[in-house]
Amino acid sequence: GHSAFTIHATSAEHVWPRFLQVVQAHPDAARMSEIQIAQSFAEAVTAAVYIERNPQHGQIVREIVEVSTIVERTAARPSFSPLFKFEPGKGLIPTGNRPMRPGFRATDLNISESIFKP
């Protein structure tokens, strides 16, 4: 089934270094390399949703990124593909990138598949 977890970060891209910091602090992960942790993250996490507190609108979704199953080996980090970005006055706007992850469905994010149709 699906599950979600919360991690405090300053952007969707910053989720990875924060996650890595938390995992590396756990004794069971002491023998794992960054690339092994990145591969485990990329296999387990489908998307990251960055939510921000906004003085005018309250909590708003600023961006949604897909987590690729491919790990950037030279950087030892998972690859992110932006799917949606917040634009003032317009709200959350599709970036034009379609989800590429096998099995990823728009309904996983509680949105209609028609959003990704040209």
PDB file of N, CA and C in Angstrom:
ATOM      1  N   GLY A   1       0.810  -1.189   0.000  1.00  0.00           N
ATOM      2  CA  GLY A   1       0.000   0.000   0.000  1.00  0.00           C
ATOM      3  C   GLY A   1       0.856   1.256   0.000  1.00  0.00           C
ATOM      4  N   HIS A   2       0.198   2.370  -0.043  1.00  0.00           N
ATOM      5  CA  HIS A   2       0.880   3.658  -0.049  1.00  0.00           C
ATOM      6  C   HIS A   2       1.084   4.138   1.376  1.00  0.00           C
ATOM      7  N   SER A   3       2.133   4.894   1.565  1.00  0.00           N
ATOM      8  CA  SER A   3       2.359   5.533   2.856  1.00  0.00           C
ATOM      9  C   SER A   3       3.074   6.850   2.611  1.00  0.00           C
ATOM     10  N   ALA A   4       3.106   7.674   3.629  1.00  0.00           N
ATOM     11  CA  ALA A   4       3.755   8.981   3.523  1.00  0.00           C
ATOM     12  C   ALA A   4       4.527   9.244   4.803  1.00  0.00           C
ATOM     13  N   PHE A   5       5.545  10.062   4.693  1.00  0.00           N
ATOM     14  CA  PHE A   5       6.261  10.505   5.878  1.00  0.00           C
ATOM     15  C   PHE A   5       6.628  11.965   5.688  1.00  0.00           C
ATOM     16  N   THR A   6       6.899  12.622   6.785  1.00  0.00           N
ATOM     17  CA  THR A   6       7.222  14.045   6.765  1.00  0.00           C
ATOM     18  C   THR A   6       8.685  14.232   7.122  1.00  0.00           C
ATOM     19  N   ILE A   7       9.346  15.110   6.386  1.00  0.00           N
ATOM     20  CA  ILE A   7      10.713  15.503   6.710  1.00  0.00           C
ATOM     21  C   ILE A   7      10.793  17.010   6.492  1.00  0.00           C
ATOM     22  N   HIS A   8      11.434  17.698   7.396  1.00  0.00           N
ATOM     23  CA  HIS A   8      11.523  19.154   7.294  1.00  0.00           C
ATOM     24  C   HIS A   8      12.674  19.528   6.369  1.00  0.00           C
ATOM     25  N   ALA A   9      12.344  20.257   5.296  1.00  0.00           N
ATOM     26  CA  ALA A   9      13.325  20.685   4.306  1.00  0.00           C
ATOM     27  C   ALA A   9      12.894  22.037   3.756  1.00  0.00           C
ATOM     28  N   THR A  10      13.819  22.713   3.076  1.00  0.00           N
ATOM     29  CA  THR A  10      13.530  24.049   2.552  1.00  0.00           C
ATOM     30  C   THR A  10      13.082  24.040   1.091  1.00  0.00           C
ATOM     31  N   SER A  11      13.065  22.873   0.468  1.00  0.00           N
ATOM     32  CA  SER A  11      12.587  22.711  -0.907  1.00  0.00           C
ATOM     33  C   SER A  11      12.470  21.213  -1.173  1.00  0.00           C
ATOM     34  N   ALA A  12      11.873  20.857  -2.297  1.00  0.00           N
ATOM     35  CA  ALA A  12      11.793  19.440  -2.655  1.00  0.00           C
ATOM     36  C   ALA A  12      13.196  18.873  -2.880  1.00  0.00           C
ATOM     37  N   GLU A  13      14.071  19.647  -3.501  1.00  0.00           N
ATOM     38  CA  GLU A  13      15.450  19.193  -3.732  1.00  0.00           C
ATOM     39  C   GLU A  13      16.204  18.971  -2.425  1.00  0.00           C
ATOM     40  N   HIS A  14      15.847  19.705  -1.394  1.00  0.00           N
ATOM     41  CA  HIS A  14      16.544  19.599  -0.111  1.00  0.00           C
ATOM     42  C   HIS A  14      16.070  18.398   0.708  1.00  0.00           C
ATOM     43  N   VAL A  15      15.046  17.691   0.237  1.00  0.00           N
ATOM     44  CA  VAL A  15      14.571  16.491   0.936  1.00  0.00           C
ATOM     45  C   VAL A  15      15.687  15.448   1.011  1.00  0.00           C
ATOM     46  N   TRP A  16      16.420  15.263  -0.094  1.00  0.00           N
ATOM     47  CA  TRP A  16      17.458  14.229  -0.108  1.00  0.00           C
ATOM     48  C   TRP A  16      18.542  14.470   0.950  1.00  0.00           C
ATOM     49  N   PRO A  17      19.204  15.633   1.005  1.00  0.00           N
ATOM     50  CA  PRO A  17      20.238  15.798   2.035  1.00  0.00           C
ATOM     51  C   PRO A  17      19.689  15.680   3.462  1.00  0.00           C
ATOM     52  N   ARG A  18      18.463  16.120   3.695  1.00  0.00           N
ATOM     53  CA  ARG A  18      17.864  15.987   5.034  1.00  0.00           C
ATOM     54  C   ARG A  18      17.605  14.516   5.358  1.00  0.00           C
ATOM     55  N   PHE A  19      17.078  13.766   4.381  1.00  0.00           N
ATOM     56  CA  PHE A  19      16.832  12.340   4.576  1.00  0.00           C
ATOM     57  C   PHE A  19      18.152  11.624   4.851  1.00  0.00           C
ATOM     58  N   LEU A  20      19.173  11.929   4.053  1.00  0.00           N
ATOM     59  CA  LEU A  20      20.488  11.307   4.229  1.00  0.00           C
ATOM     60  C   LEU A  20      21.032  11.583   5.626  1.00  0.00           C
ATOM     61  N   GLN A  21      20.898  12.799   6.097  1.00  0.00           N
ATOM     62  CA  GLN A  21      21.359  13.182   7.431  1.00  0.00           C
ATOM     63  C   GLN A  21      20.665  12.338   8.503  1.00  0.00           C
ATOM     64  N   VAL A  22      19.366  12.167   8.381  1.00  0.00           N
ATOM     65  CA  VAL A  22      18.603  11.383   9.362  1.00  0.00           C
ATOM     66  C   VAL A  22      19.028   9.916   9.324  1.00  0.00           C
ATOM     67  N   VAL A  23      19.139   9.353   8.125  1.00  0.00           N
ATOM     68  CA  VAL A  23      19.503   7.938   7.990  1.00  0.00           C
ATOM     69  C   VAL A  23      20.909   7.684   8.516  1.00  0.00           C
ATOM     70  N   GLN A  24      21.855   8.549   8.180  1.00  0.00           N
ATOM     71  CA  GLN A  24      23.232   8.333   8.614  1.00  0.00           C
ATOM     72  C   GLN A  24      23.391   8.438  10.127  1.00  0.00           C
ATOM     73  N   ALA A  25      22.451   9.060  10.799  1.00  0.00           N
ATOM     74  CA  ALA A  25      22.505   9.154  12.259  1.00  0.00           C
ATOM     75  C   ALA A  25      22.047   7.853  12.926  1.00  0.00           C
ATOM     76  N   HIS A  26      21.436   6.959  12.164  1.00  0.00           N
ATOM     77  CA  HIS A  26      20.936   5.700  12.726  1.00  0.00           C
ATOM     78  C   HIS A  26      22.048   4.650  12.720  1.00  0.00           C
ATOM     79  N   PRO A  27      22.264   3.951  13.834  1.00  0.00           N
ATOM     80  CA  PRO A  27      23.359   2.972  13.907  1.00  0.00           C
ATOM     81  C   PRO A  27      23.247   1.837  12.881  1.00  0.00           C
ATOM     82  N   ASP A  28      22.037   1.444  12.499  1.00  0.00           N
ATOM     83  CA  ASP A  28      21.881   0.360  11.524  1.00  0.00           C
ATOM     84  C   ASP A  28      22.369   0.748  10.130  1.00  0.00           C
ATOM     85  N   ALA A  29      22.496   2.028   9.864  1.00  0.00           N
ATOM     86  CA  ALA A  29      22.933   2.492   8.541  1.00  0.00           C
ATOM     87  C   ALA A  29      24.426   2.794   8.500  1.00  0.00           C
ATOM     88  N   ALA A  30      25.123   2.546   9.587  1.00  0.00           N
ATOM     89  CA  ALA A  30      26.540   2.914   9.684  1.00  0.00           C
ATOM     90  C   ALA A  30      27.396   2.287   8.587  1.00  0.00           C
ATOM     91  N   ARG A  31      27.060   1.080   8.156  1.00  0.00           N
ATOM     92  CA  ARG A  31      27.881   0.400   7.142  1.00  0.00           C
ATOM     93  C   ARG A  31      27.400   0.651   5.714  1.00  0.00           C
ATOM     94  N   MET A  32      26.338   1.414   5.569  1.00  0.00           N
ATOM     95  CA  MET A  32      25.818   1.687   4.222  1.00  0.00           C
ATOM     96  C   MET A  32      26.513   2.905   3.614  1.00  0.00           C
ATOM     97  N   SER A  33      26.849   2.810   2.339  1.00  0.00           N
ATOM     98  CA  SER A  33      27.440   3.952   1.640  1.00  0.00           C
ATOM     99  C   SER A  33      26.324   4.908   1.229  1.00  0.00           C
ATOM    100  N   GLU A  34      26.705   6.123   0.861  1.00  0.00           N
ATOM    101  CA  GLU A  34      25.708   7.093   0.392  1.00  0.00           C
ATOM    102  C   GLU A  34      24.985   6.577  -0.849  1.00  0.00           C
ATOM    103  N   ILE A  35      25.709   5.891  -1.719  1.00  0.00           N
ATOM    104  CA  ILE A  35      25.081   5.376  -2.939  1.00  0.00           C
ATOM    105  C   ILE A  35      24.060   4.292  -2.596  1.00  0.00           C
ATOM    106  N   GLN A  36      24.349   3.448  -1.602  1.00  0.00           N
ATOM    107  CA  GLN A  36      23.389   2.420  -1.181  1.00  0.00           C
ATOM    108  C   GLN A  36      22.136   3.056  -0.585  1.00  0.00           C
ATOM    109  N   ILE A  37      22.329   4.082   0.220  1.00  0.00           N
ATOM    110  CA  ILE A  37      21.190   4.789   0.812  1.00  0.00           C
ATOM    111  C   ILE A  37      20.379   5.465  -0.291  1.00  0.00           C
ATOM    112  N   ALA A  38      21.071   6.081  -1.252  1.00  0.00           N
ATOM    113  CA  ALA A  38      20.387   6.748  -2.367  1.00  0.00           C
ATOM    114  C   ALA A  38      19.576   5.746  -3.181  1.00  0.00           C
ATOM    115  N   GLN A  39      20.143   4.563  -3.430  1.00  0.00           N
ATOM    116  CA  GLN A  39      19.418   3.548  -4.194  1.00  0.00           C
ATOM    117  C   GLN A  39      18.180   3.072  -3.436  1.00  0.00           C
ATOM    118  N   SER A  40      18.308   2.883  -2.137  1.00  0.00           N
ATOM    119  CA  SER A  40      17.157   2.470  -1.324  1.00  0.00           C
ATOM    120  C   SER A  40      16.072   3.542  -1.339  1.00  0.00           C
ATOM    121  N   PHE A  41      16.474   4.809  -1.228  1.00  0.00           N
ATOM    122  CA  PHE A  41      15.535   5.932  -1.273  1.00  0.00           C
ATOM    123  C   PHE A  41      14.815   5.960  -2.622  1.00  0.00           C
ATOM    124  N   ALA A  42      15.588   5.832  -3.709  1.00  0.00           N
ATOM    125  CA  ALA A  42      15.023   5.900  -5.062  1.00  0.00           C
ATOM    126  C   ALA A  42      14.044   4.761  -5.329  1.00  0.00           C
ATOM    127  N   GLU A  43      14.286   3.603  -4.739  1.00  0.00           N
ATOM    128  CA  GLU A  43      13.368   2.476  -4.906  1.00  0.00           C
ATOM    129  C   GLU A  43      12.094   2.666  -4.089  1.00  0.00           C
ATOM    130  N   ALA A  44      12.211   3.288  -2.925  1.00  0.00           N
ATOM    131  CA  ALA A  44      11.088   3.363  -1.983  1.00  0.00           C
ATOM    132  C   ALA A  44      10.211   4.602  -2.137  1.00  0.00           C
ATOM    133  N   VAL A  45      10.776   5.709  -2.618  1.00  0.00           N
ATOM    134  CA  VAL A  45      10.049   6.984  -2.639  1.00  0.00           C
ATOM    135  C   VAL A  45       9.644   7.317  -4.076  1.00  0.00           C
ATOM    136  N   THR A  46       8.353   7.558  -4.286  1.00  0.00           N
ATOM    137  CA  THR A  46       7.828   7.883  -5.616  1.00  0.00           C
ATOM    138  C   THR A  46       7.891   9.375  -5.902  1.00  0.00           C
ATOM    139  N   ALA A  47       7.524  10.189  -4.918  1.00  0.00           N
ATOM    140  CA  ALA A  47       7.449  11.637  -5.131  1.00  0.00           C
ATOM    141  C   ALA A  47       7.726  12.367  -3.828  1.00  0.00           C
ATOM    142  N   ALA A  48       8.162  13.616  -3.965  1.00  0.00           N
ATOM    143  CA  ALA A  48       8.328  14.507  -2.814  1.00  0.00           C
ATOM    144  C   ALA A  48       7.444  15.721  -3.054  1.00  0.00           C
ATOM    145  N   VAL A  49       6.703  16.092  -2.041  1.00  0.00           N
ATOM    146  CA  VAL A  49       5.810  17.247  -2.098  1.00  0.00           C
ATOM    147  C   VAL A  49       6.316  18.259  -1.086  1.00  0.00           C
ATOM    148  N   TYR A  50       6.673  19.452  -1.565  1.00  0.00           N
ATOM    149  CA  TYR A  50       7.153  20.502  -0.669  1.00  0.00           C
ATOM    150  C   TYR A  50       5.998  21.432  -0.334  1.00  0.00           C
ATOM    151  N   ILE A  51       5.679  21.505   0.955  1.00  0.00           N
ATOM    152  CA  ILE A  51       4.596  22.355   1.447  1.00  0.00           C
ATOM    153  C   ILE A  51       5.215  23.460   2.286  1.00  0.00           C
ATOM    154  N   GLU A  52       4.755  24.684   2.051  1.00  0.00           N
ATOM    155  CA  GLU A  52       5.310  25.841   2.750  1.00  0.00           C
ATOM    156  C   GLU A  52       4.184  26.605   3.441  1.00  0.00           C
ATOM    157  N   ARG A  53       4.529  27.219   4.555  1.00  0.00           N
ATOM    158  CA  ARG A  53       3.569  28.115   5.207  1.00  0.00           C
ATOM    159  C   ARG A  53       3.678  29.479   4.551  1.00  0.00           C
ATOM    160  N   ASN A  54       2.535  29.980   4.107  1.00  0.00           N
ATOM    161  CA  ASN A  54       2.483  31.259   3.424  1.00  0.00           C
ATOM    162  C   ASN A  54       1.599  32.190   4.244  1.00  0.00           C
ATOM    163  N   PRO A  55       2.085  33.425   4.542  1.00  0.00           N
ATOM    164  CA  PRO A  55       1.295  34.323   5.381  1.00  0.00           C
ATOM    165  C   PRO A  55      -0.065  34.688   4.780  1.00  0.00           C
ATOM    166  N   GLN A  56      -0.162  34.684   3.471  1.00  0.00           N
ATOM    167  CA  GLN A  56      -1.411  35.052   2.810  1.00  0.00           C
ATOM    168  C   GLN A  56      -2.351  33.859   2.613  1.00  0.00           C
ATOM    169  N   HIS A  57      -1.797  32.706   2.224  1.00  0.00           N
ATOM    170  CA  HIS A  57      -2.621  31.564   1.833  1.00  0.00           C
ATOM    171  C   HIS A  57      -2.595  30.400   2.821  1.00  0.00           C
ATOM    172  N   GLY A  58      -1.822  30.493   3.885  1.00  0.00           N
ATOM    173  CA  GLY A  58      -1.678  29.350   4.793  1.00  0.00           C
ATOM    174  C   GLY A  58      -0.707  28.343   4.200  1.00  0.00           C
ATOM    175  N   GLN A  59      -0.959  27.063   4.403  1.00  0.00           N
ATOM    176  CA  GLN A  59      -0.078  26.043   3.834  1.00  0.00           C
ATOM    177  C   GLN A  59      -0.375  25.886   2.346  1.00  0.00           C
ATOM    178  N   ILE A  60       0.688  25.956   1.532  1.00  0.00           N
ATOM    179  CA  ILE A  60       0.531  25.783   0.088  1.00  0.00           C
ATOM    180  C   ILE A  60       1.562  24.786  -0.422  1.00  0.00           C
ATOM    181  N   VAL A  61       1.184  24.025  -1.436  1.00  0.00           N
ATOM    182  CA  VAL A  61       2.127  23.129  -2.095  1.00  0.00           C
ATOM    183  C   VAL A  61       2.953  23.979  -3.053  1.00  0.00           C
ATOM    184  N   ARG A  62       4.265  24.034  -2.825  1.00  0.00           N
ATOM    185  CA  ARG A  62       5.164  24.834  -3.668  1.00  0.00           C
ATOM    186  C   ARG A  62       5.687  24.040  -4.857  1.00  0.00           C
ATOM    187  N   GLU A  63       5.920  22.748  -4.634  1.00  0.00           N
ATOM    188  CA  GLU A  63       6.418  21.930  -5.733  1.00  0.00           C
ATOM    189  C   GLU A  63       6.189  20.448  -5.451  1.00  0.00           C
ATOM    190  N   ILE A  64       6.070  19.705  -6.544  1.00  0.00           N
ATOM    191  CA  ILE A  64       5.988  18.252  -6.485  1.00  0.00           C
ATOM    192  C   ILE A  64       7.028  17.730  -7.465  1.00  0.00           C
ATOM    193  N   VAL A  65       7.883  16.838  -6.991  1.00  0.00           N
ATOM    194  CA  VAL A  65       8.896  16.235  -7.851  1.00  0.00           C
ATOM    195  C   VAL A  65       8.733  14.722  -7.835  1.00  0.00           C
ATOM    196  N   GLU A  66       8.996  14.117  -8.970  1.00  0.00           N
ATOM    197  CA  GLU A  66       9.032  12.659  -9.045  1.00  0.00           C
ATOM    198  C   GLU A  66      10.439  12.220  -8.677  1.00  0.00           C
ATOM    199  N   VAL A  67      10.558  11.161  -7.907  1.00  0.00           N
ATOM    200  CA  VAL A  67      11.858  10.586  -7.578  1.00  0.00           C
ATOM    201  C   VAL A  67      12.103   9.461  -8.574  1.00  0.00           C
ATOM    202  N   SER A  68      13.145   9.607  -9.365  1.00  0.00           N
ATOM    203  CA  SER A  68      13.480   8.603 -10.367  1.00  0.00           C
ATOM    204  C   SER A  68      14.078   7.379  -9.684  1.00  0.00           C
ATOM    205  N   THR A  69      13.921   6.223 -10.307  1.00  0.00           N
ATOM    206  CA  THR A  69      14.566   5.017  -9.787  1.00  0.00           C
ATOM    207  C   THR A  69      16.053   5.016 -10.138  1.00  0.00           C
ATOM    208  N   ILE A  70      16.481   5.992 -10.939  1.00  0.00           N
ATOM    209  CA  ILE A  70      17.891   6.123 -11.333  1.00  0.00           C
ATOM    210  C   ILE A  70      18.614   7.001 -10.323  1.00  0.00           C
ATOM    211  N   VAL A  71      19.786   6.549  -9.906  1.00  0.00           N
ATOM    212  CA  VAL A  71      20.601   7.306  -8.956  1.00  0.00           C
ATOM    213  C   VAL A  71      21.755   7.946  -9.714  1.00  0.00           C
ATOM    214  N   GLU A  72      21.987   9.233  -9.455  1.00  0.00           N
ATOM    215  CA  GLU A  72      23.128   9.936 -10.051  1.00  0.00           C
ATOM    216  C   GLU A  72      24.386   9.447  -9.336  1.00  0.00           C
ATOM    217  N   ARG A  73      25.110   8.521  -9.952  1.00  0.00           N
ATOM    218  CA  ARG A  73      26.246   7.873  -9.279  1.00  0.00           C
ATOM    219  C   ARG A  73      27.350   8.855  -8.892  1.00  0.00           C
ATOM    220  N   THR A  74      27.680   9.786  -9.777  1.00  0.00           N
ATOM    221  CA  THR A  74      28.773  10.707  -9.451  1.00  0.00           C
ATOM    222  C   THR A  74      28.416  11.601  -8.272  1.00  0.00           C
ATOM    223  N   ALA A  75      27.144  11.915  -8.121  1.00  0.00           N
ATOM    224  CA  ALA A  75      26.699  12.750  -7.003  1.00  0.00           C
ATOM    225  C   ALA A  75      26.197  11.906  -5.831  1.00  0.00           C
ATOM    226  N   ALA A  76      26.042  10.593  -6.034  1.00  0.00           N
ATOM    227  CA  ALA A  76      25.528   9.671  -5.012  1.00  0.00           C
ATOM    228  C   ALA A  76      24.205  10.173  -4.440  1.00  0.00           C
ATOM    229  N   ARG A  77      23.289  10.518  -5.351  1.00  0.00           N
ATOM    230  CA  ARG A  77      21.978  11.016  -4.924  1.00  0.00           C
ATOM    231  C   ARG A  77      20.914  10.595  -5.930  1.00  0.00           C
ATOM    232  N   PRO A  78      19.657  10.509  -5.468  1.00  0.00           N
ATOM    233  CA  PRO A  78      18.580  10.190  -6.401  1.00  0.00           C
ATOM    234  C   PRO A  78      18.309  11.362  -7.346  1.00  0.00           C
ATOM    235  N   SER A  79      17.771  11.044  -8.510  1.00  0.00           N
ATOM    236  CA  SER A  79      17.390  12.080  -9.479  1.00  0.00           C
ATOM    237  C   SER A  79      15.955  12.509  -9.223  1.00  0.00           C
ATOM    238  N   PHE A  80      15.703  13.812  -9.305  1.00  0.00           N
ATOM    239  CA  PHE A  80      14.363  14.366  -9.143  1.00  0.00           C
ATOM    240  C   PHE A  80      13.939  15.019 -10.449  1.00  0.00           C
ATOM    241  N   SER A  81      12.681  14.833 -10.810  1.00  0.00           N
ATOM    242  CA  SER A  81      12.117  15.484 -11.987  1.00  0.00           C
ATOM    243  C   SER A  81      10.934  16.330 -11.532  1.00  0.00           C
ATOM    244  N   PRO A  82      11.003  17.656 -11.705  1.00  0.00           N
ATOM    245  CA  PRO A  82       9.895  18.501 -11.252  1.00  0.00           C
ATOM    246  C   PRO A  82       8.633  18.256 -12.078  1.00  0.00           C
ATOM    247  N   LEU A  83       7.518  18.013 -11.388  1.00  0.00           N
ATOM    248  CA  LEU A  83       6.236  17.802 -12.056  1.00  0.00           C
ATOM    249  C   LEU A  83       5.346  19.033 -11.961  1.00  0.00           C
ATOM    250  N   PHE A  84       5.400  19.719 -10.807  1.00  0.00           N
ATOM    251  CA  PHE A  84       4.582  20.912 -10.571  1.00  0.00           C
ATOM    252  C   PHE A  84       5.393  21.940  -9.809  1.00  0.00           C
ATOM    253  N   LYS A  85       5.185  23.212 -10.132  1.00  0.00           N
ATOM    254  CA  LYS A  85       5.798  24.337  -9.409  1.00  0.00           C
ATOM    255  C   LYS A  85       4.719  25.367  -9.128  1.00  0.00           C
ATOM    256  N   PHE A  86       4.825  26.016  -7.991  1.00  0.00           N
ATOM    257  CA  PHE A  86       3.880  27.061  -7.623  1.00  0.00           C
ATOM    258  C   PHE A  86       4.276  28.363  -8.300  1.00  0.00           C
ATOM    259  N   GLU A  87       3.306  29.032  -8.901  1.00  0.00           N
ATOM    260  CA  GLU A  87       3.523  30.361  -9.473  1.00  0.00           C
ATOM    261  C   GLU A  87       2.536  31.315  -8.817  1.00  0.00           C
ATOM    262  N   PRO A  88       3.038  32.424  -8.248  1.00  0.00           N
ATOM    263  CA  PRO A  88       2.138  33.382  -7.603  1.00  0.00           C
ATOM    264  C   PRO A  88       1.038  33.834  -8.561  1.00  0.00           C
ATOM    265  N   GLY A  89      -0.166  33.860  -8.068  1.00  0.00           N
ATOM    266  CA  GLY A  89      -1.304  34.274  -8.870  1.00  0.00           C
ATOM    267  C   GLY A  89      -1.897  33.178  -9.738  1.00  0.00           C
ATOM    268  N   LYS A  90      -1.146  32.094  -9.926  1.00  0.00           N
ATOM    269  CA  LYS A  90      -1.621  30.993 -10.769  1.00  0.00           C
ATOM    270  C   LYS A  90      -1.795  29.696  -9.988  1.00  0.00           C
ATOM    271  N   GLY A  91      -1.085  29.570  -8.889  1.00  0.00           N
ATOM    272  CA  GLY A  91      -1.158  28.333  -8.113  1.00  0.00           C
ATOM    273  C   GLY A  91      -0.151  27.308  -8.593  1.00  0.00           C
ATOM    274  N   LEU A  92      -0.479  26.057  -8.397  1.00  0.00           N
ATOM    275  CA  LEU A  92       0.402  24.952  -8.764  1.00  0.00           C
ATOM    276  C   LEU A  92       0.237  24.650 -10.251  1.00  0.00           C
ATOM    277  N   ILE A  93       1.323  24.780 -11.002  1.00  0.00           N
ATOM    278  CA  ILE A  93       1.298  24.657 -12.460  1.00  0.00           C
ATOM    279  C   ILE A  93       2.137  23.448 -12.891  1.00  0.00           C
ATOM    280  N   PRO A  94       1.623  22.605 -13.807  1.00  0.00           N
ATOM    281  CA  PRO A  94       2.441  21.508 -14.333  1.00  0.00           C
ATOM    282  C   PRO A  94       3.676  22.062 -15.045  1.00  0.00           C
ATOM    283  N   THR A  95       4.815  21.381 -14.893  1.00  0.00           N
ATOM    284  CA  THR A  95       6.062  21.822 -15.532  1.00  0.00           C
ATOM    285  C   THR A  95       6.162  21.353 -16.977  1.00  0.00           C
ATOM    286  N   GLY A  96       5.318  20.404 -17.350  1.00  0.00           N
ATOM    287  CA  GLY A  96       5.422  19.806 -18.680  1.00  0.00           C
ATOM    288  C   GLY A  96       6.105  18.452 -18.640  1.00  0.00           C
ATOM    289  N   ASN A  97       6.784  18.142 -17.532  1.00  0.00           N
ATOM    290  CA  ASN A  97       7.396  16.821 -17.377  1.00  0.00           C
ATOM    291  C   ASN A  97       6.315  15.813 -17.009  1.00  0.00           C
ATOM    292  N   ARG A  98       6.332  14.676 -17.687  1.00  0.00           N
ATOM    293  CA  ARG A  98       5.402  13.594 -17.360  1.00  0.00           C
ATOM    294  C   ARG A  98       6.104  12.611 -16.432  1.00  0.00           C
ATOM    295  N   PRO A  99       5.369  11.989 -15.532  1.00  0.00           N
ATOM    296  CA  PRO A  99       5.985  10.969 -14.679  1.00  0.00           C
ATOM    297  C   PRO A  99       6.560   9.833 -15.531  1.00  0.00           C
ATOM    298  N   MET A 100       7.766   9.410 -15.218  1.00  0.00           N
ATOM    299  CA  MET A 100       8.441   8.366 -15.985  1.00  0.00           C
ATOM    300  C   MET A 100       8.599   7.072 -15.187  1.00  0.00           C
ATOM    301  N   ARG A 101       8.383   7.134 -13.905  1.00  0.00           N
ATOM    302  CA  ARG A 101       8.597   5.982 -13.037  1.00  0.00           C
ATOM    303  C   ARG A 101       7.601   4.869 -13.382  1.00  0.00           C
ATOM    304  N   PRO A 102       8.077   3.643 -13.570  1.00  0.00           N
ATOM    305  CA  PRO A 102       7.152   2.535 -13.856  1.00  0.00           C
ATOM    306  C   PRO A 102       6.117   2.400 -12.738  1.00  0.00           C
ATOM    307  N   GLY A 103       4.863   2.324 -13.129  1.00  0.00           N
ATOM    308  CA  GLY A 103       3.794   2.153 -12.156  1.00  0.00           C
ATOM    309  C   GLY A 103       3.285   3.433 -11.529  1.00  0.00           C
ATOM    310  N   PHE A 104       3.924   4.565 -11.817  1.00  0.00           N
ATOM    311  CA  PHE A 104       3.474   5.836 -11.239  1.00  0.00           C
ATOM    312  C   PHE A 104       2.151   6.219 -11.878  1.00  0.00           C
ATOM    313  N   ARG A 105       1.187   6.577 -11.042  1.00  0.00           N
ATOM    314  CA  ARG A 105      -0.117   7.015 -11.547  1.00  0.00           C
ATOM    315  C   ARG A 105      -0.443   8.369 -10.937  1.00  0.00           C
ATOM    316  N   ALA A 106      -1.114   9.180 -11.707  1.00  0.00           N
ATOM    317  CA  ALA A 106      -1.519  10.498 -11.206  1.00  0.00           C
ATOM    318  C   ALA A 106      -2.366  10.350  -9.950  1.00  0.00           C
ATOM    319  N   THR A 107      -3.132   9.269  -9.887  1.00  0.00           N
ATOM    320  CA  THR A 107      -3.988   9.064  -8.710  1.00  0.00           C
ATOM    321  C   THR A 107      -3.169   8.848  -7.442  1.00  0.00           C
ATOM    322  N   ASP A 108      -1.893   8.472  -7.576  1.00  0.00           N
ATOM    323  CA  ASP A 108      -1.021   8.347  -6.402  1.00  0.00           C
ATOM    324  C   ASP A 108      -0.870   9.693  -5.697  1.00  0.00           C
ATOM    325  N   LEU A 109      -1.027  10.781  -6.458  1.00  0.00           N
ATOM    326  CA  LEU A 109      -0.948  12.134  -5.902  1.00  0.00           C
ATOM    327  C   LEU A 109      -2.335  12.754  -5.744  1.00  0.00           C
ATOM    328  N   ASN A 110      -3.354  11.930  -5.949  1.00  0.00           N
ATOM    329  CA  ASN A 110      -4.743  12.375  -5.835  1.00  0.00           C
ATOM    330  C   ASN A 110      -5.081  13.464  -6.865  1.00  0.00           C
ATOM    331  N   ILE A 111      -4.545  13.302  -8.090  1.00  0.00           N
ATOM    332  CA  ILE A 111      -4.840  14.233  -9.179  1.00  0.00           C
ATOM    333  C   ILE A 111      -5.286  13.444 -10.409  1.00  0.00           C
ATOM    334  N   SER A 112      -5.913  14.119 -11.324  1.00  0.00           N
ATOM    335  CA  SER A 112      -6.411  13.483 -12.544  1.00  0.00           C
ATOM    336  C   SER A 112      -5.281  13.291 -13.549  1.00  0.00           C
ATOM    337  N   GLU A 113      -5.298  12.170 -14.251  1.00  0.00           N
ATOM    338  CA  GLU A 113      -4.313  11.890 -15.300  1.00  0.00           C
ATOM    339  C   GLU A 113      -4.376  12.941 -16.409  1.00  0.00           C
ATOM    340  N   SER A 114      -5.529  13.584 -16.586  1.00  0.00           N
ATOM    341  CA  SER A 114      -5.691  14.574 -17.656  1.00  0.00           C
ATOM    342  C   SER A 114      -4.755  15.771 -17.484  1.00  0.00           C
ATOM    343  N   ILE A 115      -4.254  15.989 -16.286  1.00  0.00           N
ATOM    344  CA  ILE A 115      -3.308  17.092 -16.054  1.00  0.00           C
ATOM    345  C   ILE A 115      -2.052  16.909 -16.898  1.00  0.00           C
ATOM    346  N   PHE A 116      -1.657  15.658 -17.155  1.00  0.00           N
ATOM    347  CA  PHE A 116      -0.432  15.382 -17.902  1.00  0.00           C
ATOM    348  C   PHE A 116      -0.665  15.229 -19.397  1.00  0.00           C
ATOM    349  N   LYS A 117      -1.890  15.334 -19.833  1.00  0.00           N
ATOM    350  CA  LYS A 117      -2.179  15.211 -21.264  1.00  0.00           C
ATOM    351  C   LYS A 117      -1.974  16.568 -21.938  1.00  0.00           C
ATOM    352  N   PRO A 118      -1.349  16.580 -23.135  1.00  0.00           N
ATOM    353  CA  PRO A 118      -1.110  17.861 -23.825  1.00  0.00           C
ATOM    354  C   PRO A 118      -2.391  18.526 -24.280  1.00  0.00           C
TER     355      PRO A 118
END
